[in-house]
PDB file of all heavy atoms in Angstrom:
ATOM      1  N   ILE A   1       0.849  -1.198   0.000  1.00  0.00           N
ATOM      2  CA  ILE A   1       0.000   0.000   0.000  1.00  0.00           C
ATOM      3  C   ILE A   1       0.883   1.246   0.000  1.00  0.00           C
ATOM      4  O   ILE A   1       1.857   1.334   0.749  1.00  0.00           O
ATOM      5  CB  ILE A   1      -0.932   0.019   1.232  1.00  0.00           C
ATOM      6  CG1 ILE A   1      -1.905  -1.169   1.184  1.00  0.00           C
ATOM      7  CG2 ILE A   1      -1.698   1.340   1.316  1.00  0.00           C
ATOM      8  CD1 ILE A   1      -2.700  -1.352   2.459  1.00  0.00           C
ATOM      9  N   LEU A   2       0.533   2.196  -0.836  1.00  0.00           N
ATOM     10  CA  LEU A   2       1.225   3.483  -0.896  1.00  0.00           C
ATOM     11  C   LEU A   2       0.188   4.592  -0.933  1.00  0.00           C
ATOM     12  O   LEU A   2      -0.747   4.555  -1.742  1.00  0.00           O
ATOM     13  CB  LEU A   2       2.115   3.555  -2.142  1.00  0.00           C
ATOM     14  CG  LEU A   2       2.740   4.920  -2.476  1.00  0.00           C
ATOM     15  CD1 LEU A   2       3.678   5.382  -1.358  1.00  0.00           C
ATOM     16  CD2 LEU A   2       3.470   4.872  -3.811  1.00  0.00           C
ATOM     17  N   LYS A   3       0.339   5.564  -0.037  1.00  0.00           N
ATOM     18  CA  LYS A   3      -0.579   6.700   0.005  1.00  0.00           C
ATOM     19  C   LYS A   3       0.206   7.998   0.088  1.00  0.00           C
ATOM     20  O   LYS A   3       1.232   8.068   0.764  1.00  0.00           O
ATOM     21  CB  LYS A   3      -1.511   6.607   1.227  1.00  0.00           C
ATOM     22  CG  LYS A   3      -2.445   5.411   1.232  1.00  0.00           C
ATOM     23  CD  LYS A   3      -3.325   5.407   2.473  1.00  0.00           C
ATOM     24  CE  LYS A   3      -4.276   4.217   2.475  1.00  0.00           C
ATOM     25  NZ  LYS A   3      -5.139   4.226   3.686  1.00  0.00           N
ATOM     26  N   TYR A   4      -0.287   9.007  -0.623  1.00  0.00           N
ATOM     27  CA  TYR A   4       0.190  10.368  -0.439  1.00  0.00           C
ATOM     28  C   TYR A   4      -0.880  11.124   0.331  1.00  0.00           C
ATOM     29  O   TYR A   4      -2.044  11.154  -0.091  1.00  0.00           O
ATOM     30  CB  TYR A   4       0.383  11.104  -1.772  1.00  0.00           C
ATOM     31  CG  TYR A   4       1.346  10.516  -2.778  1.00  0.00           C
ATOM     32  CD1 TYR A   4       1.367  11.013  -4.084  1.00  0.00           C
ATOM     33  CD2 TYR A   4       2.244   9.492  -2.464  1.00  0.00           C
ATOM     34  CE1 TYR A   4       2.249  10.512  -5.041  1.00  0.00           C
ATOM     35  CE2 TYR A   4       3.112   8.984  -3.409  1.00  0.00           C
ATOM     36  CZ  TYR A   4       3.115   9.490  -4.698  1.00  0.00           C
ATOM     37  OH  TYR A   4       3.973   8.990  -5.642  1.00  0.00           O
ATOM     38  N   ARG A   5      -0.503  11.713   1.451  1.00  0.00           N
ATOM     39  CA  ARG A   5      -1.467  12.495   2.240  1.00  0.00           C
ATOM     40  C   ARG A   5      -2.766  11.702   2.474  1.00  0.00           C
ATOM     41  O   ARG A   5      -3.881  12.217   2.315  1.00  0.00           O
ATOM     42  CB  ARG A   5      -1.798  13.817   1.556  1.00  0.00           C
ATOM     43  CG  ARG A   5      -0.612  14.736   1.303  1.00  0.00           C
ATOM     44  CD  ARG A   5      -0.111  15.373   2.560  1.00  0.00           C
ATOM     45  NE  ARG A   5       0.878  16.422   2.273  1.00  0.00           N
ATOM     46  CZ  ARG A   5       1.570  17.047   3.213  1.00  0.00           C
ATOM     47  NH1 ARG A   5       1.401  16.726   4.482  1.00  0.00           N
ATOM     48  NH2 ARG A   5       2.443  17.976   2.883  1.00  0.00           N
ATOM     49  N   GLU A   6      -2.602  10.406   2.808  1.00  0.00           N
ATOM     50  CA  GLU A   6      -3.707   9.517   3.181  1.00  0.00           C
ATOM     51  C   GLU A   6      -4.604   9.112   2.009  1.00  0.00           C
ATOM     52  O   GLU A   6      -5.673   8.533   2.205  1.00  0.00           O
ATOM     53  CB  GLU A   6      -4.557  10.134   4.305  1.00  0.00           C
ATOM     54  CG  GLU A   6      -3.736  10.449   5.553  1.00  0.00           C
ATOM     55  CD  GLU A   6      -4.552  11.074   6.665  1.00  0.00           C
ATOM     56  OE1 GLU A   6      -5.771  11.269   6.485  1.00  0.00           O
ATOM     57  OE2 GLU A   6      -3.958  11.368   7.725  1.00  0.00           O
ATOM     58  N   ILE A   7      -4.174   9.379   0.782  1.00  0.00           N
ATOM     59  CA  ILE A   7      -4.957   8.995  -0.396  1.00  0.00           C
ATOM     60  C   ILE A   7      -4.182   7.941  -1.176  1.00  0.00           C
ATOM     61  O   ILE A   7      -3.001   8.127  -1.495  1.00  0.00           O
ATOM     62  CB  ILE A   7      -5.264  10.204  -1.302  1.00  0.00           C
ATOM     63  CG1 ILE A   7      -6.004  11.278  -0.505  1.00  0.00           C
ATOM     64  CG2 ILE A   7      -6.096   9.770  -2.508  1.00  0.00           C
ATOM     65  CD1 ILE A   7      -6.240  12.562  -1.286  1.00  0.00           C
ATOM     66  N   ASP A   8      -4.833   6.823  -1.490  1.00  0.00           N
ATOM     67  CA  ASP A   8      -4.170   5.696  -2.141  1.00  0.00           C
ATOM     68  C   ASP A   8      -3.652   6.072  -3.520  1.00  0.00           C
ATOM     69  O   ASP A   8      -4.308   6.790  -4.282  1.00  0.00           O
ATOM     70  CB  ASP A   8      -5.146   4.516  -2.254  1.00  0.00           C
ATOM     71  CG  ASP A   8      -4.438   3.236  -2.663  1.00  0.00           C
ATOM     72  OD1 ASP A   8      -4.306   2.997  -3.890  1.00  0.00           O
ATOM     73  OD2 ASP A   8      -4.019   2.473  -1.778  1.00  0.00           O
ATOM     74  N   ILE A   9      -2.471   5.542  -3.853  1.00  0.00           N
ATOM     75  CA  ILE A   9      -1.830   5.865  -5.127  1.00  0.00           C
ATOM     76  C   ILE A   9      -2.689   5.450  -6.313  1.00  0.00           C
ATOM     77  O   ILE A   9      -2.646   6.077  -7.378  1.00  0.00           O
ATOM     78  CB  ILE A   9      -0.424   5.217  -5.210  1.00  0.00           C
ATOM     79  CG1 ILE A   9       0.362   5.788  -6.392  1.00  0.00           C
ATOM     80  CG2 ILE A   9      -0.526   3.703  -5.279  1.00  0.00           C
ATOM     81  CD1 ILE A   9       0.671   7.243  -6.304  1.00  0.00           C
ATOM     82  N   ASN A  10      -3.486   4.399  -6.167  1.00  0.00           N
ATOM     83  CA  ASN A  10      -4.328   3.942  -7.273  1.00  0.00           C
ATOM     84  C   ASN A  10      -5.425   4.946  -7.616  1.00  0.00           C
ATOM     85  O   ASN A  10      -5.937   4.941  -8.737  1.00  0.00           O
ATOM     86  CB  ASN A  10      -4.944   2.582  -6.937  1.00  0.00           C
ATOM     87  CG  ASN A  10      -3.909   1.478  -6.930  1.00  0.00           C
ATOM     88  OD1 ASN A  10      -3.407   1.066  -7.967  1.00  0.00           O
ATOM     89  ND2 ASN A  10      -3.559   1.005  -5.741  1.00  0.00           N
ATOM     90  N   LYS A  11      -5.787   5.808  -6.675  1.00  0.00           N
ATOM     91  CA  LYS A  11      -6.736   6.889  -6.950  1.00  0.00           C
ATOM     92  C   LYS A  11      -6.004   8.114  -7.501  1.00  0.00           C
ATOM     93  O   LYS A  11      -6.483   8.774  -8.428  1.00  0.00           O
ATOM     94  CB  LYS A  11      -7.499   7.260  -5.682  1.00  0.00           C
ATOM     95  CG  LYS A  11      -8.409   6.153  -5.153  1.00  0.00           C
ATOM     96  CD  LYS A  11      -9.161   6.604  -3.913  1.00  0.00           C
ATOM     97  CE  LYS A  11     -10.073   5.501  -3.411  1.00  0.00           C
ATOM     98  NZ  LYS A  11     -10.805   5.905  -2.165  1.00  0.00           N
ATOM     99  N   LEU A  12      -4.844   8.389  -6.937  1.00  0.00           N
ATOM    100  CA  LEU A  12      -4.108   9.584  -7.347  1.00  0.00           C
ATOM    101  C   LEU A  12      -3.592   9.497  -8.772  1.00  0.00           C
ATOM    102  O   LEU A  12      -3.460  10.510  -9.453  1.00  0.00           O
ATOM    103  CB  LEU A  12      -2.929   9.818  -6.391  1.00  0.00           C
ATOM    104  CG  LEU A  12      -3.294  10.191  -4.962  1.00  0.00           C
ATOM    105  CD1 LEU A  12      -2.038  10.260  -4.108  1.00  0.00           C
ATOM    106  CD2 LEU A  12      -4.045  11.514  -4.912  1.00  0.00           C
ATOM    107  N   VAL A  13      -3.295   8.276  -9.232  1.00  0.00           N
ATOM    108  CA  VAL A  13      -2.655   8.129 -10.539  1.00  0.00           C
ATOM    109  C   VAL A  13      -3.559   8.570 -11.687  1.00  0.00           C
ATOM    110  O   VAL A  13      -3.072   8.823 -12.795  1.00  0.00           O
ATOM    111  CB  VAL A  13      -2.176   6.672 -10.727  1.00  0.00           C
ATOM    112  CG1 VAL A  13      -3.336   5.746 -11.083  1.00  0.00           C
ATOM    113  CG2 VAL A  13      -1.063   6.588 -11.753  1.00  0.00           C
ATOM    114  N   ASP A  14      -4.839   8.687 -11.439  1.00  0.00           N
ATOM    115  CA  ASP A  14      -5.762   9.139 -12.489  1.00  0.00           C
ATOM    116  C   ASP A  14      -5.993  10.644 -12.471  1.00  0.00           C
ATOM    117  O   ASP A  14      -6.780  11.161 -13.271  1.00  0.00           O
ATOM    118  CB  ASP A  14      -7.104   8.408 -12.349  1.00  0.00           C
ATOM    119  CG  ASP A  14      -6.989   6.933 -12.697  1.00  0.00           C
ATOM    120  OD1 ASP A  14      -6.207   6.598 -13.602  1.00  0.00           O
ATOM    121  OD2 ASP A  14      -7.674   6.107 -12.059  1.00  0.00           O
ATOM    122  N   LEU A  15      -5.321  11.345 -11.574  1.00  0.00           N
ATOM    123  CA  LEU A  15      -5.447  12.804 -11.499  1.00  0.00           C
ATOM    124  C   LEU A  15      -4.341  13.472 -12.324  1.00  0.00           C
ATOM    125  O   LEU A  15      -3.365  12.830 -12.695  1.00  0.00           O
ATOM    126  CB  LEU A  15      -5.335  13.262 -10.043  1.00  0.00           C
ATOM    127  CG  LEU A  15      -6.389  12.744  -9.066  1.00  0.00           C
ATOM    128  CD1 LEU A  15      -6.067  13.242  -7.660  1.00  0.00           C
ATOM    129  CD2 LEU A  15      -7.782  13.179  -9.479  1.00  0.00           C
ATOM    130  N   PRO A  16      -4.464  14.767 -12.602  1.00  0.00           N
ATOM    131  CA  PRO A  16      -3.346  15.493 -13.227  1.00  0.00           C
ATOM    132  C   PRO A  16      -2.176  15.585 -12.249  1.00  0.00           C
ATOM    133  O   PRO A  16      -2.376  15.641 -11.028  1.00  0.00           O
ATOM    134  CB  PRO A  16      -3.933  16.887 -13.501  1.00  0.00           C
ATOM    135  CG  PRO A  16      -5.404  16.757 -13.351  1.00  0.00           C
ATOM    136  CD  PRO A  16      -5.654  15.632 -12.416  1.00  0.00           C
ATOM    137  N   TYR A  17      -0.968  15.618 -12.790  1.00  0.00           N
ATOM    138  CA  TYR A  17       0.204  15.774 -11.918  1.00  0.00           C
ATOM    139  C   TYR A  17       0.094  17.057 -11.095  1.00  0.00           C
ATOM    140  O   TYR A  17       0.479  17.076  -9.912  1.00  0.00           O
ATOM    141  CB  TYR A  17       1.489  15.805 -12.750  1.00  0.00           C
ATOM    142  CG  TYR A  17       2.717  16.033 -11.888  1.00  0.00           C
ATOM    143  CD1 TYR A  17       3.294  14.987 -11.177  1.00  0.00           C
ATOM    144  CD2 TYR A  17       3.286  17.307 -11.776  1.00  0.00           C
ATOM    145  CE1 TYR A  17       4.411  15.205 -10.372  1.00  0.00           C
ATOM    146  CE2 TYR A  17       4.399  17.526 -10.981  1.00  0.00           C
ATOM    147  CZ  TYR A  17       4.959  16.463 -10.282  1.00  0.00           C
ATOM    148  OH  TYR A  17       6.062  16.682  -9.473  1.00  0.00           O
ATOM    149  N   ASP A  18      -0.421  18.121 -11.683  1.00  0.00           N
ATOM    150  CA  ASP A  18      -0.544  19.385 -10.954  1.00  0.00           C
ATOM    151  C   ASP A  18      -1.348  19.207  -9.668  1.00  0.00           C
ATOM    152  O   ASP A  18      -1.008  19.777  -8.629  1.00  0.00           O
ATOM    153  CB  ASP A  18      -1.219  20.450 -11.825  1.00  0.00           C
ATOM    154  CG  ASP A  18      -0.364  20.878 -13.001  1.00  0.00           C
ATOM    155  OD1 ASP A  18       0.768  20.370 -13.148  1.00  0.00           O
ATOM    156  OD2 ASP A  18      -0.849  21.708 -13.802  1.00  0.00           O
ATOM    157  N   ALA A  19      -2.413  18.418  -9.722  1.00  0.00           N
ATOM    158  CA  ALA A  19      -3.257  18.193  -8.543  1.00  0.00           C
ATOM    159  C   ALA A  19      -2.496  17.430  -7.469  1.00  0.00           C
ATOM    160  O   ALA A  19      -2.611  17.718  -6.271  1.00  0.00           O
ATOM    161  CB  ALA A  19      -4.527  17.444  -8.938  1.00  0.00           C
ATOM    162  N   VAL A  20      -1.704  16.443  -7.894  1.00  0.00           N
ATOM    163  CA  VAL A  20      -0.925  15.652  -6.933  1.00  0.00           C
ATOM    164  C   VAL A  20       0.192  16.496  -6.335  1.00  0.00           C
ATOM    165  O   VAL A  20       0.488  16.413  -5.139  1.00  0.00           O
ATOM    166  CB  VAL A  20      -0.379  14.382  -7.613  1.00  0.00           C
ATOM    167  CG1 VAL A  20       0.498  13.591  -6.645  1.00  0.00           C
ATOM    168  CG2 VAL A  20      -1.531  13.508  -8.107  1.00  0.00           C
ATOM    169  N   SER A  21       0.817  17.329  -7.153  1.00  0.00           N
ATOM    170  CA  SER A  21       1.835  18.247  -6.661  1.00  0.00           C
ATOM    171  C   SER A  21       1.246  19.189  -5.611  1.00  0.00           C
ATOM    172  O   SER A  21       1.839  19.408  -4.548  1.00  0.00           O
ATOM    173  CB  SER A  21       2.409  19.044  -7.838  1.00  0.00           C
ATOM    174  OG  SER A  21       3.304  20.035  -7.385  1.00  0.00           O
ATOM    175  N   TYR A  22       0.082  19.738  -5.900  1.00  0.00           N
ATOM    176  CA  TYR A  22      -0.618  20.615  -4.954  1.00  0.00           C
ATOM    177  C   TYR A  22      -0.901  19.874  -3.650  1.00  0.00           C
ATOM    178  O   TYR A  22      -0.681  20.399  -2.550  1.00  0.00           O
ATOM    179  CB  TYR A  22      -1.929  21.088  -5.599  1.00  0.00           C
ATOM    180  CG  TYR A  22      -2.740  22.076  -4.791  1.00  0.00           C
ATOM    181  CD1 TYR A  22      -2.771  23.425  -5.145  1.00  0.00           C
ATOM    182  CD2 TYR A  22      -3.515  21.679  -3.699  1.00  0.00           C
ATOM    183  CE1 TYR A  22      -3.529  24.343  -4.429  1.00  0.00           C
ATOM    184  CE2 TYR A  22      -4.273  22.577  -2.978  1.00  0.00           C
ATOM    185  CZ  TYR A  22      -4.273  23.910  -3.348  1.00  0.00           C
ATOM    186  OH  TYR A  22      -5.025  24.820  -2.632  1.00  0.00           O
ATOM    187  N   LEU A  23      -1.381  18.643  -3.773  1.00  0.00           N
ATOM    188  CA  LEU A  23      -1.681  17.819  -2.596  1.00  0.00           C
ATOM    189  C   LEU A  23      -0.440  17.649  -1.721  1.00  0.00           C
ATOM    190  O   LEU A  23      -0.495  17.828  -0.494  1.00  0.00           O
ATOM    191  CB  LEU A  23      -2.190  16.451  -3.049  1.00  0.00           C
ATOM    192  CG  LEU A  23      -2.303  15.366  -1.970  1.00  0.00           C
ATOM    193  CD1 LEU A  23      -3.447  15.681  -1.010  1.00  0.00           C
ATOM    194  CD2 LEU A  23      -2.506  13.996  -2.605  1.00  0.00           C
ATOM    195  N   LEU A  24       0.668  17.284  -2.327  1.00  0.00           N
ATOM    196  CA  LEU A  24       1.882  17.032  -1.559  1.00  0.00           C
ATOM    197  C   LEU A  24       2.386  18.292  -0.866  1.00  0.00           C
ATOM    198  O   LEU A  24       2.729  18.269   0.321  1.00  0.00           O
ATOM    199  CB  LEU A  24       2.967  16.472  -2.476  1.00  0.00           C
ATOM    200  CG  LEU A  24       2.784  15.018  -2.912  1.00  0.00           C
ATOM    201  CD1 LEU A  24       3.768  14.664  -4.027  1.00  0.00           C
ATOM    202  CD2 LEU A  24       2.952  14.070  -1.733  1.00  0.00           C
ATOM    203  N   ILE A  25       2.409  19.387  -1.599  1.00  0.00           N
ATOM    204  CA  ILE A  25       3.018  20.607  -1.074  1.00  0.00           C
ATOM    205  C   ILE A  25       2.105  21.351  -0.110  1.00  0.00           C
ATOM    206  O   ILE A  25       2.546  21.851   0.936  1.00  0.00           O
ATOM    207  CB  ILE A  25       3.430  21.529  -2.236  1.00  0.00           C
ATOM    208  CG1 ILE A  25       4.573  20.874  -3.014  1.00  0.00           C
ATOM    209  CG2 ILE A  25       3.861  22.901  -1.730  1.00  0.00           C
ATOM    210  CD1 ILE A  25       4.926  21.588  -4.288  1.00  0.00           C
ATOM    211  N   LEU A  26       0.819  21.389  -0.416  1.00  0.00           N
ATOM    212  CA  LEU A  26      -0.116  22.195   0.380  1.00  0.00           C
ATOM    213  C   LEU A  26      -1.005  21.376   1.303  1.00  0.00           C
ATOM    214  O   LEU A  26      -1.727  21.936   2.119  1.00  0.00           O
ATOM    215  CB  LEU A  26      -0.959  23.070  -0.550  1.00  0.00           C
ATOM    216  CG  LEU A  26      -0.130  24.055  -1.395  1.00  0.00           C
ATOM    217  CD1 LEU A  26      -1.025  24.837  -2.337  1.00  0.00           C
ATOM    218  CD2 LEU A  26       0.654  25.001  -0.498  1.00  0.00           C
ATOM    219  N   GLY A  27      -0.985  20.043   1.162  1.00  0.00           N
ATOM    220  CA  GLY A  27      -1.618  19.197   2.169  1.00  0.00           C
ATOM    221  C   GLY A  27      -2.976  18.628   1.844  1.00  0.00           C
ATOM    222  O   GLY A  27      -3.415  17.681   2.497  1.00  0.00           O
ATOM    223  N   ASP A  28      -3.690  19.187   0.862  1.00  0.00           N
ATOM    224  CA  ASP A  28      -5.024  18.704   0.494  1.00  0.00           C
ATOM    225  C   ASP A  28      -5.185  18.746  -1.017  1.00  0.00           C
ATOM    226  O   ASP A  28      -4.518  19.539  -1.700  1.00  0.00           O
ATOM    227  CB  ASP A  28      -6.119  19.578   1.140  1.00  0.00           C
ATOM    228  CG  ASP A  28      -6.180  19.405   2.645  1.00  0.00           C
ATOM    229  OD1 ASP A  28      -6.540  18.316   3.109  1.00  0.00           O
ATOM    230  OD2 ASP A  28      -5.841  20.381   3.361  1.00  0.00           O
ATOM    231  N   LEU A  29      -6.083  17.924  -1.518  1.00  0.00           N
ATOM    232  CA  LEU A  29      -6.392  18.000  -2.938  1.00  0.00           C
ATOM    233  C   LEU A  29      -7.076  19.329  -3.245  1.00  0.00           C
ATOM    234  O   LEU A  29      -7.931  19.781  -2.486  1.00  0.00           O
ATOM    235  CB  LEU A  29      -7.307  16.846  -3.354  1.00  0.00           C
ATOM    236  CG  LEU A  29      -6.638  15.499  -3.594  1.00  0.00           C
ATOM    237  CD1 LEU A  29      -7.692  14.440  -3.892  1.00  0.00           C
ATOM    238  CD2 LEU A  29      -5.636  15.579  -4.747  1.00  0.00           C
ATOM    239  N   PRO A  30      -6.730  19.954  -4.349  1.00  0.00           N
ATOM    240  CA  PRO A  30      -7.353  21.242  -4.681  1.00  0.00           C
ATOM    241  C   PRO A  30      -8.746  21.057  -5.267  1.00  0.00           C
ATOM    242  O   PRO A  30      -9.032  20.052  -5.919  1.00  0.00           O
ATOM    243  CB  PRO A  30      -6.399  21.803  -5.741  1.00  0.00           C
ATOM    244  CG  PRO A  30      -5.862  20.580  -6.432  1.00  0.00           C
ATOM    245  CD  PRO A  30      -5.725  19.540  -5.350  1.00  0.00           C
ATOM    246  N   GLY A  31      -9.611  22.044  -5.031  1.00  0.00           N
ATOM    247  CA  GLY A  31     -10.852  22.112  -5.779  1.00  0.00           C
ATOM    248  C   GLY A  31     -10.558  22.651  -7.165  1.00  0.00           C
ATOM    249  O   GLY A  31      -9.416  23.033  -7.474  1.00  0.00           O
ATOM    250  N   ASP A  32     -11.556  22.716  -8.006  1.00  0.00           N
ATOM    251  CA  ASP A  32     -11.337  23.180  -9.377  1.00  0.00           C
ATOM    252  C   ASP A  32     -10.732  24.585  -9.447  1.00  0.00           C
ATOM    253  O   ASP A  32      -9.784  24.812 -10.221  1.00  0.00           O
ATOM    254  CB  ASP A  32     -12.656  23.134 -10.162  1.00  0.00           C
ATOM    255  CG  ASP A  32     -13.103  21.705 -10.440  1.00  0.00           C
ATOM    256  OD1 ASP A  32     -12.256  20.784 -10.346  1.00  0.00           O
ATOM    257  OD2 ASP A  32     -14.292  21.494 -10.743  1.00  0.00           O
ATOM    258  N   PRO A  33     -11.231  25.556  -8.652  1.00  0.00           N
ATOM    259  CA  PRO A  33     -10.623  26.903  -8.730  1.00  0.00           C
ATOM    260  C   PRO A  33      -9.169  26.904  -8.263  1.00  0.00           C
ATOM    261  O   PRO A  33      -8.317  27.550  -8.883  1.00  0.00           O
ATOM    262  CB  PRO A  33     -11.509  27.750  -7.809  1.00  0.00           C
ATOM    263  CG  PRO A  33     -12.790  26.994  -7.686  1.00  0.00           C
ATOM    264  CD  PRO A  33     -12.417  25.547  -7.769  1.00  0.00           C
ATOM    265  N   GLU A  34      -8.889  26.182  -7.177  1.00  0.00           N
ATOM    266  CA  GLU A  34      -7.519  26.138  -6.662  1.00  0.00           C
ATOM    267  C   GLU A  34      -6.574  25.462  -7.661  1.00  0.00           C
ATOM    268  O   GLU A  34      -5.443  25.921  -7.868  1.00  0.00           O
ATOM    269  CB  GLU A  34      -7.468  25.390  -5.329  1.00  0.00           C
ATOM    270  CG  GLU A  34      -8.141  26.096  -4.173  1.00  0.00           C
ATOM    271  CD  GLU A  34      -9.643  25.839  -4.123  1.00  0.00           C
ATOM    272  OE1 GLU A  34     -10.151  25.026  -4.930  1.00  0.00           O
ATOM    273  OE2 GLU A  34     -10.313  26.457  -3.276  1.00  0.00           O
ATOM    274  N   LEU A  35      -7.055  24.383  -8.292  1.00  0.00           N
ATOM    275  CA  LEU A  35      -6.217  23.691  -9.269  1.00  0.00           C
ATOM    276  C   LEU A  35      -5.953  24.566 -10.488  1.00  0.00           C
ATOM    277  O   LEU A  35      -4.828  24.613 -11.003  1.00  0.00           O
ATOM    278  CB  LEU A  35      -6.870  22.373  -9.702  1.00  0.00           C
ATOM    279  CG  LEU A  35      -6.097  21.561 -10.749  1.00  0.00           C
ATOM    280  CD1 LEU A  35      -4.696  21.221 -10.253  1.00  0.00           C
ATOM    281  CD2 LEU A  35      -6.865  20.296 -11.115  1.00  0.00           C
ATOM    282  N   ALA A  36      -6.973  25.274 -10.935  1.00  0.00           N
ATOM    283  CA  ALA A  36      -6.806  26.154 -12.091  1.00  0.00           C
ATOM    284  C   ALA A  36      -5.776  27.239 -11.803  1.00  0.00           C
ATOM    285  O   ALA A  36      -4.915  27.544 -12.642  1.00  0.00           O
ATOM    286  CB  ALA A  36      -8.147  26.779 -12.476  1.00  0.00           C
ATOM    287  N   GLU A  37      -5.832  27.805 -10.606  1.00  0.00           N
ATOM    288  CA  GLU A  37      -4.882  28.858 -10.233  1.00  0.00           C
ATOM    289  C   GLU A  37      -3.466  28.295 -10.111  1.00  0.00           C
ATOM    290  O   GLU A  37      -2.497  28.901 -10.592  1.00  0.00           O
ATOM    291  CB  GLU A  37      -5.303  29.504  -8.913  1.00  0.00           C
ATOM    292  CG  GLU A  37      -4.381  30.619  -8.463  1.00  0.00           C
ATOM    293  CD  GLU A  37      -4.810  31.238  -7.140  1.00  0.00           C
ATOM    294  OE1 GLU A  37      -5.829  30.807  -6.567  1.00  0.00           O
ATOM    295  OE2 GLU A  37      -4.101  32.152  -6.679  1.00  0.00           O
ATOM    296  N   TYR A  38      -3.341  27.135  -9.470  1.00  0.00           N
ATOM    297  CA  TYR A  38      -2.026  26.517  -9.283  1.00  0.00           C
ATOM    298  C   TYR A  38      -1.422  26.136 -10.629  1.00  0.00           C
ATOM    299  O   TYR A  38      -0.242  26.399 -10.888  1.00  0.00           O
ATOM    300  CB  TYR A  38      -2.187  25.290  -8.389  1.00  0.00           C
ATOM    301  CG  TYR A  38      -0.889  24.587  -8.026  1.00  0.00           C
ATOM    302  CD1 TYR A  38       0.000  25.166  -7.128  1.00  0.00           C
ATOM    303  CD2 TYR A  38      -0.574  23.338  -8.556  1.00  0.00           C
ATOM    304  CE1 TYR A  38       1.181  24.527  -6.770  1.00  0.00           C
ATOM    305  CE2 TYR A  38       0.601  22.690  -8.207  1.00  0.00           C
ATOM    306  CZ  TYR A  38       1.475  23.275  -7.310  1.00  0.00           C
ATOM    307  OH  TYR A  38       2.651  22.642  -6.963  1.00  0.00           O
ATOM    308  N   SER A  39      -2.228  25.535 -11.489  1.00  0.00           N
ATOM    309  CA  SER A  39      -1.729  25.142 -12.812  1.00  0.00           C
ATOM    310  C   SER A  39      -1.304  26.357 -13.622  1.00  0.00           C
ATOM    311  O   SER A  39      -0.285  26.323 -14.318  1.00  0.00           O
ATOM    312  CB  SER A  39      -2.796  24.350 -13.576  1.00  0.00           C
ATOM    313  OG  SER A  39      -3.028  23.091 -12.971  1.00  0.00           O
ATOM    314  N   ALA A  40      -2.074  27.421 -13.539  1.00  0.00           N
ATOM    315  CA  ALA A  40      -1.722  28.642 -14.264  1.00  0.00           C
ATOM    316  C   ALA A  40      -0.372  29.184 -13.792  1.00  0.00           C
ATOM    317  O   ALA A  40       0.448  29.635 -14.605  1.00  0.00           O
ATOM    318  CB  ALA A  40      -2.812  29.691 -14.085  1.00  0.00           C
ATOM    319  N   CYS A  41      -0.135  29.114 -12.483  1.00  0.00           N
ATOM    320  CA  CYS A  41       1.154  29.565 -11.952  1.00  0.00           C
ATOM    321  C   CYS A  41       2.284  28.677 -12.463  1.00  0.00           C
ATOM    322  O   CYS A  41       3.335  29.178 -12.887  1.00  0.00           O
ATOM    323  CB  CYS A  41       1.120  29.543 -10.426  1.00  0.00           C
ATOM    324  SG  CYS A  41       0.076  30.805  -9.678  1.00  0.00           S
ATOM    325  N   LEU A  42       2.088  27.352 -12.427  1.00  0.00           N
ATOM    326  CA  LEU A  42       3.110  26.424 -12.913  1.00  0.00           C
ATOM    327  C   LEU A  42       3.398  26.657 -14.396  1.00  0.00           C
ATOM    328  O   LEU A  42       4.558  26.774 -14.807  1.00  0.00           O
ATOM    329  CB  LEU A  42       2.665  24.980 -12.706  1.00  0.00           C
ATOM    330  CG  LEU A  42       2.757  24.400 -11.296  1.00  0.00           C
ATOM    331  CD1 LEU A  42       2.169  22.998 -11.276  1.00  0.00           C
ATOM    332  CD2 LEU A  42       4.200  24.359 -10.811  1.00  0.00           C
ATOM    333  N   HIS A  43       2.342  26.715 -15.187  1.00  0.00           N
ATOM    334  CA  HIS A  43       2.517  26.854 -16.635  1.00  0.00           C
ATOM    335  C   HIS A  43       3.163  28.194 -16.996  1.00  0.00           C
ATOM    336  O   HIS A  43       3.886  28.291 -17.983  1.00  0.00           O
ATOM    337  CB  HIS A  43       1.167  26.704 -17.340  1.00  0.00           C
ATOM    338  CG  HIS A  43       0.550  25.353 -17.147  1.00  0.00           C
ATOM    339  ND1 HIS A  43      -0.577  24.945 -17.841  1.00  0.00           N
ATOM    340  CD2 HIS A  43       0.890  24.308 -16.362  1.00  0.00           C
ATOM    341  CE1 HIS A  43      -0.895  23.712 -17.465  1.00  0.00           C
ATOM    342  NE2 HIS A  43      -0.018  23.321 -16.571  1.00  0.00           N
ATOM    343  N   GLY A  44       2.905  29.195 -16.167  1.00  0.00           N
ATOM    344  CA  GLY A  44       3.474  30.509 -16.429  1.00  0.00           C
ATOM    345  C   GLY A  44       4.937  30.642 -16.048  1.00  0.00           C
ATOM    346  O   GLY A  44       5.590  31.627 -16.405  1.00  0.00           O
ATOM    347  N   GLU A  45       5.463  29.653 -15.319  1.00  0.00           N
ATOM    348  CA  GLU A  45       6.857  29.715 -14.867  1.00  0.00           C
ATOM    349  C   GLU A  45       7.759  28.717 -15.600  1.00  0.00           C
ATOM    350  O   GLU A  45       8.892  28.478 -15.191  1.00  0.00           O
ATOM    351  CB  GLU A  45       6.934  29.448 -13.353  1.00  0.00           C
ATOM    352  CG  GLU A  45       6.338  30.538 -12.492  1.00  0.00           C
ATOM    353  CD  GLU A  45       7.236  31.770 -12.417  1.00  0.00           C
ATOM    354  OE1 GLU A  45       8.340  31.752 -12.986  1.00  0.00           O
ATOM    355  OE2 GLU A  45       6.822  32.753 -11.773  1.00  0.00           O
TER     356      GLU A  45
END
């Protein structure tokens, strides 16, 4: 068993990498607005 922030890897693997990155760094999965903002920051850098 492998979990990031208490969420099983088999669930996380179907998400965008940006969402998993957000989860690891900020502690929770982002909602749609948070993910959109985070992705925009990543893509812009």
